[in-house]
N, C-alpha and C. Protein backbone atom coordinates (compact mmCIF):
# COMPACT_ATOMS: atom_id res chain seq x y z
N MET A 1 30.74 0.11 -18.59
CA MET A 1 29.44 0.41 -19.15
C MET A 1 28.73 1.33 -18.21
N ALA A 2 28.11 2.32 -18.75
CA ALA A 2 27.34 3.32 -17.94
C ALA A 2 26.01 2.67 -17.49
N THR A 3 25.62 3.00 -16.27
CA THR A 3 24.37 2.57 -15.78
C THR A 3 23.28 3.37 -16.39
N THR A 4 22.22 2.71 -16.80
CA THR A 4 21.03 3.39 -17.45
C THR A 4 19.76 3.02 -16.68
N PRO A 5 18.68 3.82 -16.84
CA PRO A 5 17.43 3.42 -16.25
C PRO A 5 16.99 1.98 -16.67
N GLU A 6 17.29 1.63 -17.92
CA GLU A 6 16.86 0.35 -18.42
C GLU A 6 17.61 -0.79 -17.68
N LEU A 7 18.90 -0.60 -17.39
CA LEU A 7 19.64 -1.61 -16.63
C LEU A 7 19.11 -1.74 -15.22
N ILE A 8 18.84 -0.61 -14.55
CA ILE A 8 18.28 -0.73 -13.19
C ILE A 8 16.90 -1.39 -13.23
N HIS A 9 16.12 -1.06 -14.23
CA HIS A 9 14.80 -1.73 -14.38
C HIS A 9 14.97 -3.21 -14.51
N GLY A 10 15.91 -3.63 -15.30
CA GLY A 10 16.15 -5.07 -15.44
C GLY A 10 16.65 -5.73 -14.19
N TYR A 11 17.56 -5.06 -13.44
CA TYR A 11 18.01 -5.61 -12.12
C TYR A 11 16.85 -5.84 -11.21
N LEU A 12 16.01 -4.76 -11.08
CA LEU A 12 14.92 -4.82 -10.09
C LEU A 12 13.88 -5.86 -10.50
N SER A 13 13.55 -5.97 -11.79
CA SER A 13 12.52 -6.92 -12.14
C SER A 13 13.05 -8.36 -12.09
N ALA A 14 14.36 -8.55 -12.20
CA ALA A 14 14.92 -9.90 -11.99
C ALA A 14 15.02 -10.28 -10.56
N GLY A 15 15.16 -9.30 -9.66
CA GLY A 15 15.32 -9.61 -8.27
C GLY A 15 14.15 -9.45 -7.30
N LEU A 16 13.04 -8.87 -7.92
CA LEU A 16 11.80 -8.54 -7.04
C LEU A 16 10.58 -8.64 -7.89
N GLU A 17 9.58 -9.24 -7.33
CA GLU A 17 8.31 -9.29 -8.04
C GLU A 17 7.70 -7.89 -7.99
N CYS A 18 7.45 -7.31 -9.15
CA CYS A 18 6.93 -6.01 -9.33
C CYS A 18 5.70 -6.05 -10.16
N THR A 19 4.62 -5.38 -9.72
CA THR A 19 3.44 -5.26 -10.53
C THR A 19 3.46 -4.00 -11.34
N HIS A 20 4.29 -3.05 -10.91
CA HIS A 20 4.50 -1.83 -11.70
C HIS A 20 5.92 -1.38 -11.35
N LEU A 21 6.68 -0.86 -12.39
CA LEU A 21 7.98 -0.46 -12.16
C LEU A 21 8.36 0.56 -13.21
N THR A 22 8.80 1.76 -12.79
CA THR A 22 9.31 2.74 -13.72
C THR A 22 10.63 3.27 -13.09
N VAL A 23 11.59 3.48 -13.96
CA VAL A 23 12.91 3.97 -13.55
C VAL A 23 13.28 5.07 -14.52
N ASN A 24 13.62 6.21 -14.04
CA ASN A 24 14.07 7.35 -14.87
C ASN A 24 15.42 7.78 -14.25
N GLY A 25 16.23 8.45 -15.14
CA GLY A 25 17.45 8.99 -14.58
C GLY A 25 18.36 9.53 -15.73
N ASP A 26 19.46 10.12 -15.25
CA ASP A 26 20.38 10.78 -16.16
C ASP A 26 21.74 10.07 -16.24
N GLY A 27 21.84 8.91 -15.69
CA GLY A 27 23.11 8.19 -15.67
C GLY A 27 23.81 8.25 -14.34
N GLN A 28 23.48 9.16 -13.55
CA GLN A 28 24.04 9.42 -12.18
C GLN A 28 22.96 9.37 -11.11
N HIS A 29 21.93 10.04 -11.35
CA HIS A 29 20.76 10.13 -10.43
C HIS A 29 19.59 9.44 -11.00
N PHE A 30 18.96 8.61 -10.25
CA PHE A 30 17.87 7.79 -10.75
C PHE A 30 16.65 7.92 -9.81
N GLU A 31 15.41 7.78 -10.33
CA GLU A 31 14.24 7.76 -9.57
C GLU A 31 13.39 6.61 -9.99
N ALA A 32 12.89 5.86 -9.01
CA ALA A 32 12.09 4.67 -9.30
C ALA A 32 10.77 4.67 -8.54
N VAL A 33 9.73 4.19 -9.25
CA VAL A 33 8.48 3.90 -8.62
C VAL A 33 8.33 2.36 -8.66
N ILE A 34 8.30 1.72 -7.52
CA ILE A 34 8.32 0.28 -7.41
C ILE A 34 7.10 -0.13 -6.69
N VAL A 35 6.28 -0.98 -7.31
CA VAL A 35 5.05 -1.48 -6.73
C VAL A 35 5.23 -3.05 -6.60
N SER A 36 5.16 -3.57 -5.45
CA SER A 36 5.42 -5.00 -5.18
C SER A 36 4.60 -5.47 -4.04
N PRO A 37 4.01 -6.72 -4.19
CA PRO A 37 3.38 -7.36 -3.10
C PRO A 37 4.32 -7.69 -1.92
N ALA A 38 5.62 -7.73 -2.23
CA ALA A 38 6.63 -7.98 -1.15
C ALA A 38 6.64 -6.83 -0.10
N PHE A 39 6.09 -5.69 -0.40
CA PHE A 39 6.07 -4.51 0.49
C PHE A 39 4.78 -4.57 1.51
N VAL A 40 3.92 -5.44 1.27
CA VAL A 40 2.70 -5.54 2.12
C VAL A 40 3.15 -5.74 3.61
N GLY A 41 2.70 -4.86 4.47
CA GLY A 41 2.91 -5.00 5.91
C GLY A 41 4.38 -4.57 6.34
N LYS A 42 5.08 -3.93 5.40
CA LYS A 42 6.38 -3.46 5.60
C LYS A 42 6.44 -1.93 5.82
N ARG A 43 7.34 -1.50 6.72
CA ARG A 43 7.51 0.01 6.81
C ARG A 43 8.40 0.49 5.64
N SER A 44 8.54 1.76 5.54
CA SER A 44 9.36 2.32 4.40
C SER A 44 10.82 1.86 4.44
N ILE A 45 11.44 1.85 5.59
CA ILE A 45 12.76 1.44 5.66
C ILE A 45 12.97 -0.05 5.23
N GLN A 46 11.98 -0.86 5.68
CA GLN A 46 12.07 -2.30 5.29
C GLN A 46 11.86 -2.46 3.78
N ARG A 47 10.98 -1.64 3.21
CA ARG A 47 10.80 -1.69 1.74
C ARG A 47 12.06 -1.31 1.01
N HIS A 48 12.73 -0.33 1.51
CA HIS A 48 13.96 0.13 0.86
C HIS A 48 15.09 -1.02 1.00
N GLN A 49 15.07 -1.69 2.13
CA GLN A 49 16.02 -2.78 2.32
C GLN A 49 15.77 -3.88 1.34
N ILE A 50 14.50 -4.15 1.07
CA ILE A 50 14.11 -5.23 0.09
C ILE A 50 14.67 -4.77 -1.33
N VAL A 51 14.54 -3.51 -1.67
CA VAL A 51 15.03 -3.04 -2.99
C VAL A 51 16.53 -3.12 -2.96
N TYR A 52 17.20 -2.73 -1.92
CA TYR A 52 18.67 -2.81 -1.86
C TYR A 52 19.11 -4.24 -1.99
N ALA A 53 18.42 -5.19 -1.38
CA ALA A 53 18.76 -6.57 -1.46
C ALA A 53 18.60 -7.07 -2.92
N ALA A 54 17.59 -6.56 -3.58
CA ALA A 54 17.42 -6.98 -4.97
C ALA A 54 18.51 -6.42 -5.93
N LEU A 55 19.02 -5.27 -5.53
CA LEU A 55 20.09 -4.65 -6.36
C LEU A 55 21.43 -5.17 -5.99
N GLY A 56 21.61 -5.73 -4.72
CA GLY A 56 22.86 -6.26 -4.29
C GLY A 56 24.03 -5.26 -4.31
N ASP A 57 25.16 -5.74 -4.67
CA ASP A 57 26.43 -4.87 -4.70
C ASP A 57 26.26 -3.77 -5.76
N ARG A 58 25.34 -3.89 -6.64
CA ARG A 58 25.20 -2.78 -7.68
C ARG A 58 24.95 -1.42 -7.02
N MET A 59 24.23 -1.51 -5.85
CA MET A 59 23.85 -0.27 -5.13
C MET A 59 25.16 0.48 -4.67
N ARG A 60 26.20 -0.29 -4.42
CA ARG A 60 27.44 0.38 -4.00
C ARG A 60 28.36 0.72 -5.17
N GLU A 61 28.33 -0.19 -6.19
CA GLU A 61 29.35 -0.12 -7.30
C GLU A 61 28.88 0.68 -8.45
N GLU A 62 27.57 0.54 -8.84
CA GLU A 62 27.12 1.11 -10.12
C GLU A 62 26.17 2.27 -9.88
N ILE A 63 25.26 2.15 -8.84
CA ILE A 63 24.17 3.09 -8.64
C ILE A 63 24.54 3.98 -7.48
N HIS A 64 24.74 5.26 -7.76
CA HIS A 64 25.17 6.14 -6.72
C HIS A 64 24.08 6.92 -6.12
N ALA A 65 22.98 7.17 -6.79
CA ALA A 65 21.86 7.90 -6.20
C ALA A 65 20.57 7.37 -6.76
N LEU A 66 19.78 6.75 -5.89
CA LEU A 66 18.53 6.20 -6.31
C LEU A 66 17.44 6.66 -5.33
N SER A 67 16.50 7.47 -5.77
CA SER A 67 15.41 7.89 -5.05
C SER A 67 14.23 6.99 -5.42
N MET A 68 13.56 6.42 -4.46
CA MET A 68 12.52 5.47 -4.74
C MET A 68 11.23 5.68 -4.03
N LYS A 69 10.15 5.40 -4.65
CA LYS A 69 8.82 5.42 -4.07
C LYS A 69 8.43 4.01 -4.10
N THR A 70 8.17 3.43 -2.93
CA THR A 70 7.82 2.01 -2.79
C THR A 70 6.36 1.90 -2.32
N LEU A 71 5.55 1.17 -3.12
CA LEU A 71 4.15 0.99 -2.79
C LEU A 71 3.74 -0.47 -2.91
N THR A 72 2.68 -0.78 -2.12
CA THR A 72 2.02 -2.06 -2.35
C THR A 72 1.04 -1.95 -3.51
N PRO A 73 0.60 -3.00 -4.13
CA PRO A 73 -0.38 -2.87 -5.18
C PRO A 73 -1.68 -2.10 -4.72
N GLU A 74 -2.07 -2.37 -3.52
CA GLU A 74 -3.22 -1.61 -3.00
C GLU A 74 -3.05 -0.18 -2.88
N GLU A 75 -1.87 0.28 -2.35
CA GLU A 75 -1.49 1.63 -2.25
C GLU A 75 -1.43 2.32 -3.64
N PHE A 76 -0.89 1.60 -4.57
CA PHE A 76 -0.75 2.13 -5.98
C PHE A 76 -2.13 2.33 -6.57
N LYS A 77 -3.07 1.47 -6.36
CA LYS A 77 -4.45 1.66 -6.86
C LYS A 77 -5.12 2.85 -6.28
N GLY A 78 -4.85 3.04 -4.97
CA GLY A 78 -5.61 3.92 -4.19
C GLY A 78 -5.61 5.34 -4.49
């Protein structure tokens, strides 16, 4: 089964508390805007690690290119 933005959206929302989440892509390259309180006090690399943990093995097996913008709810409002 081909990976779709909707599948990635489902994986992320199941594994991470998100107050805003958008995922776009063409089946190979994806872009996500992820807003989560889990990112508060975390640096960019730590935020990406949280997202990778939520995606688990899918990041290696199904998702080959994911560009992400990770924000706290306060940053997203701002």
